[in-house]
Amino acid sequence: MTDPVYAIGDIHGHLEKLEDILARIEADGGPDARIVFLGDLVDRGPNSCGVVDRLMHARNEGRPWTVVKGNHDRMFEYFMGAQPKHDPRLRPELTWLHPRLGGAETVASYGVDAHVDRAVEDIHTDALALVPKEHIEFISSLPLFHLMDSILFVHAGIRPGIALEDQSEDDLCWIRDDFLSDPRPHPWLVVHGHTVVETVEHKGNRIDLDTGAGYGKPISVAVFEGSDVWTLEDSGRKVLKPA
């Protein structure tokens, strides 16, 4: 890898923050910069519709952008089936519309009345009418990972010791402790989001780029060029070394 590649952490419906990050990347790498988005486009923030629309149109225009699927994107996809499907990694008492998860904010960004007192069936019916089919087709089409040279971009992480082709979708979208606590080298540097950290973390075998946009904190971006890694701040690149 000689040309820079930029990776953007969890967005969670914050279009304005995303536009700021994209402007920062363009200033550093030009309008044709390669970008990988680590998933969780939707939920909690005010404009999931705008985020999905922005990335969908960029891909359709042929921009060199790759978007991987996050667990929140998968929950959105599951809800938008002919019948809402419960994500098996959620506790039975939790639904995607629960305030902890932010699905109500996502459908509201499409004009759906998602008031807590409304029946899930009614919200689902309205969502099927108001969410563009092409948005759900875009979410459904997202890959679960993107492998580029010695770097694996994925939303949550991997099951250590398992071949990439044998990784489960549940783990790629949802895994935490078994991945985060393993200090051993992986076949690739794993760049992920999903687990919120105060600042971008480089653990040697993995880099965590989820700095809590879903909770009102910044979206983070890293730059990869050869074996060098930086975070990309308002002031420019800042070297990121393993802790």
C-alpha atoms as a PDB file:
ATOM      1  CA  MET A   1       0.000   0.000   0.000  1.00  0.00           C
ATOM      2  CA  THR A   2       1.632   3.238  -1.155  1.00  0.00           C
ATOM      3  CA  ASP A   3      -1.282   5.622  -1.738  1.00  0.00           C
ATOM      4  CA  PRO A   4      -3.016   6.751   1.457  1.00  0.00           C
ATOM      5  CA  VAL A   5      -6.176   5.017   2.593  1.00  0.00           C
ATOM      6  CA  TYR A   6      -8.494   6.697   5.069  1.00  0.00           C
ATOM      7  CA  ALA A   7     -10.709   4.812   7.542  1.00  0.00           C
ATOM      8  CA  ILE A   8     -13.676   6.474   9.240  1.00  0.00           C
ATOM      9  CA  GLY A   9     -15.157   5.169  12.482  1.00  0.00           C
ATOM     10  CA  ASP A  10     -18.807   4.858  13.523  1.00  0.00           C
ATOM     11  CA  ILE A  11     -21.011   7.702  12.218  1.00  0.00           C
ATOM     12  CA  HIS A  12     -24.389   6.994  13.871  1.00  0.00           C
ATOM     13  CA  GLY A  13     -26.536   9.350  11.874  1.00  0.00           C
ATOM     14  CA  HIS A  14     -24.376  12.473  12.224  1.00  0.00           C
ATOM     15  CA  LEU A  15     -24.274  13.858   8.697  1.00  0.00           C
ATOM     16  CA  GLU A  16     -22.796  17.236   9.642  1.00  0.00           C
ATOM     17  CA  LYS A  17     -19.919  15.592  11.489  1.00  0.00           C
ATOM     18  CA  LEU A  18     -19.391  13.271   8.537  1.00  0.00           C
ATOM     19  CA  GLU A  19     -19.219  16.192   6.101  1.00  0.00           C
ATOM     20  CA  ASP A  20     -16.574  17.819   8.289  1.00  0.00           C
ATOM     21  CA  ILE A  21     -14.520  14.617   8.232  1.00  0.00           C
ATOM     22  CA  LEU A  22     -14.879  14.277   4.448  1.00  0.00           C
ATOM     23  CA  ALA A  23     -13.695  17.867   3.985  1.00  0.00           C
ATOM     24  CA  ARG A  24     -10.700  17.121   6.211  1.00  0.00           C
ATOM     25  CA  ILE A  25      -9.850  14.060   4.120  1.00  0.00           C
ATOM     26  CA  GLU A  26     -10.169  15.971   0.850  1.00  0.00           C
ATOM     27  CA  ALA A  27      -7.836  18.653   2.159  1.00  0.00           C
ATOM     28  CA  ASP A  28      -5.255  15.980   3.019  1.00  0.00           C
ATOM     29  CA  GLY A  29      -5.653  13.483   0.181  1.00  0.00           C
ATOM     30  CA  GLY A  30      -7.603  15.206  -2.597  1.00  0.00           C
ATOM     31  CA  PRO A  31     -11.104  14.613  -3.989  1.00  0.00           C
ATOM     32  CA  ASP A  32     -10.343  11.050  -5.110  1.00  0.00           C
ATOM     33  CA  ALA A  33      -9.010   9.776  -1.775  1.00  0.00           C
ATOM     34  CA  ARG A  34      -9.730   6.130  -0.982  1.00  0.00           C
ATOM     35  CA  ILE A  35     -11.947   5.828   2.085  1.00  0.00           C
ATOM     36  CA  VAL A  36     -13.184   2.837   4.098  1.00  0.00           C
ATOM     37  CA  PHE A  37     -16.185   3.378   6.381  1.00  0.00           C
ATOM     38  CA  LEU A  38     -16.296   0.979   9.331  1.00  0.00           C
ATOM     39  CA  GLY A  39     -20.079   0.705   9.612  1.00  0.00           C
ATOM     40  CA  ASP A  40     -22.783   1.880  11.992  1.00  0.00           C
ATOM     41  CA  LEU A  41     -23.988   4.525   9.583  1.00  0.00           C
ATOM     42  CA  VAL A  42     -27.322   4.753  11.387  1.00  0.00           C
ATOM     43  CA  ASP A  43     -29.016   5.066  14.813  1.00  0.00           C
ATOM     44  CA  ARG A  44     -28.931   7.573  17.667  1.00  0.00           C
ATOM     45  CA  GLY A  45     -27.995  10.629  15.596  1.00  0.00           C
ATOM     46  CA  PRO A  46     -30.474  12.981  13.896  1.00  0.00           C
ATOM     47  CA  ASN A  47     -29.912  12.228  10.200  1.00  0.00           C
ATOM     48  CA  SER A  48     -29.342   8.561   9.430  1.00  0.00           C
ATOM     49  CA  CYS A  49     -31.324   9.037   6.215  1.00  0.00           C
ATOM     50  CA  GLY A  50     -28.882  11.733   5.079  1.00  0.00           C
ATOM     51  CA  VAL A  51     -25.829   9.609   5.927  1.00  0.00           C
ATOM     52  CA  VAL A  52     -27.105   6.582   4.002  1.00  0.00           C
ATOM     53  CA  ASP A  53     -28.103   8.761   1.049  1.00  0.00           C
ATOM     54  CA  ARG A  54     -24.689  10.465   0.997  1.00  0.00           C
ATOM     55  CA  LEU A  55     -22.727   7.223   0.934  1.00  0.00           C
ATOM     56  CA  MET A  56     -25.094   5.425  -1.427  1.00  0.00           C
ATOM     57  CA  HIS A  57     -24.857   8.158  -4.051  1.00  0.00           C
ATOM     58  CA  ALA A  58     -21.077   8.380  -3.675  1.00  0.00           C
ATOM     59  CA  ARG A  59     -20.776   4.660  -4.371  1.00  0.00           C
ATOM     60  CA  ASN A  60     -23.157   4.903  -7.325  1.00  0.00           C
ATOM     61  CA  GLU A  61     -21.006   7.729  -8.725  1.00  0.00           C
ATOM     62  CA  GLY A  62     -17.950   5.489  -8.611  1.00  0.00           C
ATOM     63  CA  ARG A  63     -16.142   7.164  -5.736  1.00  0.00           C
ATOM     64  CA  PRO A  64     -13.343   4.936  -4.329  1.00  0.00           C
ATOM     65  CA  TRP A  65     -15.252   4.477  -1.084  1.00  0.00           C
ATOM     66  CA  THR A  66     -15.908   1.136   0.630  1.00  0.00           C
ATOM     67  CA  VAL A  67     -18.551   0.806   3.351  1.00  0.00           C
ATOM     68  CA  VAL A  68     -18.664  -2.247   5.629  1.00  0.00           C
ATOM     69  CA  LYS A  69     -21.751  -3.294   7.543  1.00  0.00           C
ATOM     70  CA  GLY A  70     -22.076  -2.596  11.265  1.00  0.00           C
ATOM     71  CA  ASN A  71     -24.407  -4.168  13.803  1.00  0.00           C
ATOM     72  CA  HIS A  72     -26.678  -1.112  13.793  1.00  0.00           C
ATOM     73  CA  ASP A  73     -26.895  -1.238  10.010  1.00  0.00           C
ATOM     74  CA  ARG A  74     -27.840  -4.907  10.292  1.00  0.00           C
ATOM     75  CA  MET A  75     -30.559  -4.136  12.842  1.00  0.00           C
ATOM     76  CA  PHE A  76     -31.980  -1.546  10.439  1.00  0.00           C
ATOM     77  CA  GLU A  77     -31.924  -4.098   7.631  1.00  0.00           C
ATOM     78  CA  TYR A  78     -33.626  -6.719   9.815  1.00  0.00           C
ATOM     79  CA  PHE A  79     -36.366  -4.313  10.886  1.00  0.00           C
ATOM     80  CA  MET A  80     -37.113  -3.366   7.294  1.00  0.00           C
ATOM     81  CA  GLY A  81     -37.995  -6.880   6.165  1.00  0.00           C
ATOM     82  CA  ALA A  82     -41.553  -7.888   5.351  1.00  0.00           C
ATOM     83  CA  GLN A  83     -41.765  -8.699   9.059  1.00  0.00           C
ATOM     84  CA  PRO A  84     -39.361  -7.137  11.586  1.00  0.00           C
ATOM     85  CA  LYS A  85     -36.633  -9.614  12.492  1.00  0.00           C
ATOM     86  CA  HIS A  86     -35.017  -9.629  15.924  1.00  0.00           C
ATOM     87  CA  ASP A  87     -31.216  -9.571  15.843  1.00  0.00           C
ATOM     88  CA  PRO A  88     -30.099 -12.747  17.664  1.00  0.00           C
ATOM     89  CA  ARG A  89     -27.296 -10.853  19.393  1.00  0.00           C
ATOM     90  CA  LEU A  90     -29.815  -8.623  21.207  1.00  0.00           C
ATOM     91  CA  ARG A  91     -31.379  -9.624  24.490  1.00  0.00           C
ATOM     92  CA  PRO A  92     -34.997 -10.754  23.929  1.00  0.00           C
ATOM     93  CA  GLU A  93     -36.452  -7.774  25.788  1.00  0.00           C
ATOM     94  CA  LEU A  94     -34.588  -5.276  23.598  1.00  0.00           C
ATOM     95  CA  THR A  95     -35.821  -4.200  20.200  1.00  0.00           C
ATOM     96  CA  TRP A  96     -34.105  -1.968  17.665  1.00  0.00           C
ATOM     97  CA  LEU A  97     -36.562   0.788  18.614  1.00  0.00           C
ATOM     98  CA  HIS A  98     -35.459   0.748  22.259  1.00  0.00           C
ATOM     99  CA  PRO A  99     -33.989   4.126  23.330  1.00  0.00           C
ATOM    100  CA  ARG A 100     -30.638   2.455  24.054  1.00  0.00           C
ATOM    101  CA  LEU A 101     -30.225   1.428  20.425  1.00  0.00           C
ATOM    102  CA  GLY A 102     -31.482   4.429  18.476  1.00  0.00           C
ATOM    103  CA  GLY A 103     -33.637   2.827  15.811  1.00  0.00           C
ATOM    104  CA  ALA A 104     -36.455   5.263  16.548  1.00  0.00           C
ATOM    105  CA  GLU A 105     -34.192   8.164  15.594  1.00  0.00           C
ATOM    106  CA  THR A 106     -33.322   6.395  12.352  1.00  0.00           C
ATOM    107  CA  VAL A 107     -36.901   5.893  11.147  1.00  0.00           C
ATOM    108  CA  ALA A 108     -37.795   9.395  12.375  1.00  0.00           C
ATOM    109  CA  SER A 109     -35.149  10.780   9.991  1.00  0.00           C
ATOM    110  CA  TYR A 110     -37.264   9.303   7.180  1.00  0.00           C
ATOM    111  CA  GLY A 111     -40.421  10.999   8.452  1.00  0.00           C
ATOM    112  CA  VAL A 112     -41.833   8.115  10.515  1.00  0.00           C
ATOM    113  CA  ASP A 113     -43.636   8.897  13.771  1.00  0.00           C
ATOM    114  CA  ALA A 114     -41.650   6.681  16.138  1.00  0.00           C
ATOM    115  CA  HIS A 115     -43.149   7.877  19.412  1.00  0.00           C
ATOM    116  CA  VAL A 116     -42.593   5.362  22.179  1.00  0.00           C
ATOM    117  CA  ASP A 117     -46.364   4.877  22.653  1.00  0.00           C
ATOM    118  CA  ARG A 118     -46.903   3.716  19.060  1.00  0.00           C
ATOM    119  CA  ALA A 119     -47.137   0.010  18.313  1.00  0.00           C
ATOM    120  CA  VAL A 120     -44.091  -1.504  16.652  1.00  0.00           C
ATOM    121  CA  GLU A 121     -46.356  -2.876  13.907  1.00  0.00           C
ATOM    122  CA  ASP A 122     -47.572   0.619  13.030  1.00  0.00           C
ATOM    123  CA  ILE A 123     -44.054   2.059  13.006  1.00  0.00           C
ATOM    124  CA  HIS A 124     -42.945  -0.804  10.785  1.00  0.00           C
ATOM    125  CA  THR A 125     -45.808  -0.231   8.335  1.00  0.00           C
ATOM    126  CA  ASP A 126     -44.969   3.462   8.069  1.00  0.00           C
ATOM    127  CA  ALA A 127     -41.261   2.715   7.680  1.00  0.00           C
ATOM    128  CA  LEU A 128     -41.934   0.353   4.773  1.00  0.00           C
ATOM    129  CA  ALA A 129     -43.828   3.176   3.078  1.00  0.00           C
ATOM    130  CA  LEU A 130     -41.340   5.980   3.757  1.00  0.00           C
ATOM    131  CA  VAL A 131     -37.843   4.454   3.700  1.00  0.00           C
ATOM    132  CA  PRO A 132     -36.645   4.265   0.065  1.00  0.00           C
ATOM    133  CA  LYS A 133     -36.118   0.706  -1.120  1.00  0.00           C
ATOM    134  CA  GLU A 134     -32.750   1.653  -2.547  1.00  0.00           C
ATOM    135  CA  HIS A 135     -31.560   2.620   0.944  1.00  0.00           C
ATOM    136  CA  ILE A 136     -32.345  -0.846   2.266  1.00  0.00           C
ATOM    137  CA  GLU A 137     -30.842  -2.471  -0.821  1.00  0.00           C
ATOM    138  CA  PHE A 138     -27.687  -0.437  -0.205  1.00  0.00           C
ATOM    139  CA  ILE A 139     -27.503  -1.495   3.464  1.00  0.00           C
ATOM    140  CA  SER A 140     -28.174  -5.133   2.524  1.00  0.00           C
ATOM    141  CA  SER A 141     -25.397  -5.101  -0.065  1.00  0.00           C
ATOM    142  CA  LEU A 142     -22.662  -3.919   2.298  1.00  0.00           C
ATOM    143  CA  PRO A 143     -19.746  -6.323   2.774  1.00  0.00           C
ATOM    144  CA  LEU A 144     -18.844  -7.553   6.238  1.00  0.00           C
ATOM    145  CA  PHE A 145     -15.143  -6.703   5.863  1.00  0.00           C
ATOM    146  CA  HIS A 146     -12.630  -5.204   3.453  1.00  0.00           C
ATOM    147  CA  LEU A 147      -9.137  -6.680   3.162  1.00  0.00           C
ATOM    148  CA  MET A 148      -6.453  -4.420   1.718  1.00  0.00           C
ATOM    149  CA  ASP A 149      -2.894  -5.727   1.710  1.00  0.00           C
ATOM    150  CA  SER A 150      -1.992  -6.321   5.372  1.00  0.00           C
ATOM    151  CA  ILE A 151      -4.957  -4.405   6.817  1.00  0.00           C
ATOM    152  CA  LEU A 152      -8.398  -5.845   7.563  1.00  0.00           C
ATOM    153  CA  PHE A 153     -11.183  -3.293   7.900  1.00  0.00           C
ATOM    154  CA  VAL A 154     -14.206  -4.629   9.791  1.00  0.00           C
ATOM    155  CA  HIS A 155     -16.895  -3.212  12.051  1.00  0.00           C
ATOM    156  CA  ALA A 156     -16.516  -5.084  15.345  1.00  0.00           C
ATOM    157  CA  GLY A 157     -13.522  -7.372  14.989  1.00  0.00           C
ATOM    158  CA  ILE A 158     -12.739 -11.029  14.359  1.00  0.00           C
ATOM    159  CA  ARG A 159     -12.793 -14.287  16.276  1.00  0.00           C
ATOM    160  CA  PRO A 160      -9.049 -14.835  16.975  1.00  0.00           C
ATOM    161  CA  GLY A 161      -7.549 -17.947  15.426  1.00  0.00           C
ATOM    162  CA  ILE A 162     -10.348 -18.425  12.878  1.00  0.00           C
ATOM    163  CA  ALA A 163      -9.676 -18.133   9.146  1.00  0.00           C
ATOM    164  CA  LEU A 164     -11.235 -15.080   7.548  1.00  0.00           C
ATOM    165  CA  GLU A 165     -13.520 -17.135   5.318  1.00  0.00           C
ATOM    166  CA  ASP A 166     -14.813 -18.984   8.399  1.00  0.00           C
ATOM    167  CA  GLN A 167     -15.623 -15.884  10.461  1.00  0.00           C
ATOM    168  CA  SER A 168     -19.303 -15.577  11.357  1.00  0.00           C
ATOM    169  CA  GLU A 169     -21.386 -12.540  10.476  1.00  0.00           C
ATOM    170  CA  ASP A 170     -22.388 -12.251  14.145  1.00  0.00           C
ATOM    171  CA  ASP A 171     -18.752 -11.913  15.209  1.00  0.00           C
ATOM    172  CA  LEU A 172     -17.775  -9.515  12.430  1.00  0.00           C
ATOM    173  CA  CYS A 173     -20.677  -7.244  13.405  1.00  0.00           C
ATOM    174  CA  TRP A 174     -20.846  -7.762  17.165  1.00  0.00           C
ATOM    175  CA  ILE A 175     -17.768  -9.334  18.793  1.00  0.00           C
ATOM    176  CA  ARG A 176     -16.134  -7.590  21.734  1.00  0.00           C
ATOM    177  CA  ASP A 177     -14.337  -9.257  24.661  1.00  0.00           C
ATOM    178  CA  ASP A 178     -12.821 -12.308  22.959  1.00  0.00           C
ATOM    179  CA  PHE A 179     -11.335 -10.033  20.299  1.00  0.00           C
ATOM    180  CA  LEU A 180     -10.474  -6.971  22.364  1.00  0.00           C
ATOM    181  CA  SER A 181      -8.707  -8.915  25.113  1.00  0.00           C
ATOM    182  CA  ASP A 182      -6.482 -10.968  22.796  1.00  0.00           C
ATOM    183  CA  PRO A 183      -2.995  -9.402  22.479  1.00  0.00           C
ATOM    184  CA  ARG A 184      -1.644 -11.915  19.964  1.00  0.00           C
ATOM    185  CA  PRO A 185      -0.802 -10.808  16.419  1.00  0.00           C
ATOM    186  CA  HIS A 186      -3.484 -11.443  13.813  1.00  0.00           C
ATOM    187  CA  PRO A 187      -2.678 -12.201  10.168  1.00  0.00           C
ATOM    188  CA  TRP A 188      -3.500  -8.538   9.500  1.00  0.00           C
ATOM    189  CA  LEU A 189      -3.708  -5.275  11.375  1.00  0.00           C
ATOM    190  CA  VAL A 190      -7.425  -5.180  12.224  1.00  0.00           C
ATOM    191  CA  VAL A 191      -9.008  -1.728  11.963  1.00  0.00           C
ATOM    192  CA  HIS A 192     -12.420  -1.611  13.616  1.00  0.00           C
ATOM    193  CA  GLY A 193     -15.075   0.440  15.358  1.00  0.00           C
ATOM    194  CA  HIS A 194     -18.033  -0.773  17.459  1.00  0.00           C
ATOM    195  CA  THR A 195     -16.429  -0.417  20.895  1.00  0.00           C
ATOM    196  CA  VAL A 196     -16.317   3.170  22.132  1.00  0.00           C
ATOM    197  CA  VAL A 197     -12.985   4.534  23.326  1.00  0.00           C
ATOM    198  CA  GLU A 198     -12.058   8.033  24.502  1.00  0.00           C
ATOM    199  CA  THR A 199      -9.418   8.481  21.802  1.00  0.00           C
ATOM    200  CA  VAL A 200      -8.278   6.320  18.911  1.00  0.00           C
ATOM    201  CA  GLU A 201      -6.407   3.277  20.231  1.00  0.00           C
ATOM    202  CA  HIS A 202      -3.590   1.386  18.528  1.00  0.00           C
ATOM    203  CA  LYS A 203      -3.011  -1.906  20.318  1.00  0.00           C
ATOM    204  CA  GLY A 204      -0.406  -3.288  17.930  1.00  0.00           C
ATOM    205  CA  ASN A 205      -2.671  -5.994  16.509  1.00  0.00           C
ATOM    206  CA  ARG A 206      -5.741  -3.742  16.119  1.00  0.00           C
ATOM    207  CA  ILE A 207      -6.852  -0.102  15.921  1.00  0.00           C
ATOM    208  CA  ASP A 208     -10.157   1.095  17.382  1.00  0.00           C
ATOM    209  CA  LEU A 209     -11.700   4.119  15.619  1.00  0.00           C
ATOM    210  CA  ASP A 210     -15.057   4.365  17.446  1.00  0.00           C
ATOM    211  CA  THR A 211     -14.746   7.498  19.572  1.00  0.00           C
ATOM    212  CA  GLY A 212     -18.428   7.771  20.455  1.00  0.00           C
ATOM    213  CA  ALA A 213     -20.185   9.752  17.731  1.00  0.00           C
ATOM    214  CA  GLY A 214     -23.371   7.963  18.754  1.00  0.00           C
ATOM    215  CA  TYR A 215     -23.097   9.645  22.163  1.00  0.00           C
ATOM    216  CA  GLY A 216     -22.354  13.157  20.945  1.00  0.00           C
ATOM    217  CA  LYS A 217     -18.596  12.752  20.647  1.00  0.00           C
ATOM    218  CA  PRO A 218     -16.406  13.096  17.531  1.00  0.00           C
ATOM    219  CA  ILE A 219     -16.145  10.853  14.500  1.00  0.00           C
ATOM    220  CA  SER A 220     -12.534   9.768  14.073  1.00  0.00           C
ATOM    221  CA  VAL A 221     -10.459   9.037  10.989  1.00  0.00           C
ATOM    222  CA  ALA A 222      -7.086   7.377  10.482  1.00  0.00           C
ATOM    223  CA  VAL A 223      -4.693   7.434   7.531  1.00  0.00           C
ATOM    224  CA  PHE A 224      -2.740   4.378   6.394  1.00  0.00           C
ATOM    225  CA  GLU A 225       0.231   4.761   4.064  1.00  0.00           C
ATOM    226  CA  GLY A 226       2.721   1.944   3.760  1.00  0.00           C
ATOM    227  CA  SER A 227       3.382   0.806   7.328  1.00  0.00           C
ATOM    228  CA  ASP A 228       2.694   4.254   8.770  1.00  0.00           C
ATOM    229  CA  VAL A 229      -0.506   5.257  10.549  1.00  0.00           C
ATOM    230  CA  TRP A 230      -1.803   8.665  11.562  1.00  0.00           C
ATOM    231  CA  THR A 231      -4.998  10.080  12.939  1.00  0.00           C
ATOM    232  CA  LEU A 232      -6.283  12.989  10.881  1.00  0.00           C
ATOM    233  CA  GLU A 233      -7.073  15.968  13.083  1.00  0.00           C
ATOM    234  CA  ASP A 234      -8.308  19.466  12.206  1.00  0.00           C
ATOM    235  CA  SER A 235      -4.663  20.537  12.331  1.00  0.00           C
ATOM    236  CA  GLY A 236      -3.451  17.708  10.082  1.00  0.00           C
ATOM    237  CA  ARG A 237      -1.931  14.255  10.537  1.00  0.00           C
ATOM    238  CA  LYS A 238      -0.826  13.045  13.961  1.00  0.00           C
ATOM    239  CA  VAL A 239       1.373   9.950  14.182  1.00  0.00           C
ATOM    240  CA  LEU A 240      -0.404   6.959  15.760  1.00  0.00           C
ATOM    241  CA  LYS A 241       1.921   4.487  17.448  1.00  0.00           C
ATOM    242  CA  PRO A 242       1.022   1.240  19.213  1.00  0.00           C
ATOM    243  CA  ALA A 243       0.382   1.764  22.922  1.00  0.00           C
END
